[in-house]
């Protein structure tokens, strides 16, 4: 089957036909155009141009989809951090360690948390509790996003057709 192309002097092969492969763009000046003329002489007609066929292999489609899924996951996780400066984000692990240590033992040495509490003018225990609550909420949110990413990757790699692979995407 062939369709018109954007250029009126060429056609697009929509499904392999004889010597012409799917996706080939065949100008009238090409010797293969004789195969198109034979096809037309057999009573077939050119379909309207609706784009070029996707000639990617299944692994190529899967890799393209995986890149999109990765980007979706990263975007979702990054929205959790957008209201914080990067330097603060880099301190989250230390803040959480110190907060959990302080809540387990109020005599624990917690220099970062102590400095933050003093600068904010709040009690160290209250700050430690806030840090743990936010850390737990963040962990739950990224766990959900990463788990969803892994499930989609598993689903994507189990696909057997391009259409199935293209249907696997990060939720919008």
Foldseek 3Di string as FASTA:
>chain_A
DWAQDPDNQWIAACPDDVPDHAQDIGGVVDPCVVSVVVVVVVVDDHHYDDDTDDPDDLVVLLVVQLVQLVVLLVVQLVVLVVVDDPVVVVCLVLLLVLLVVCVVPVVDDRVVLVVVCVVVVHDSNVSSVVSNVSVVVSVVSNVVSVVLSVVLNVQLVPDDDSVSNNVRHHDD
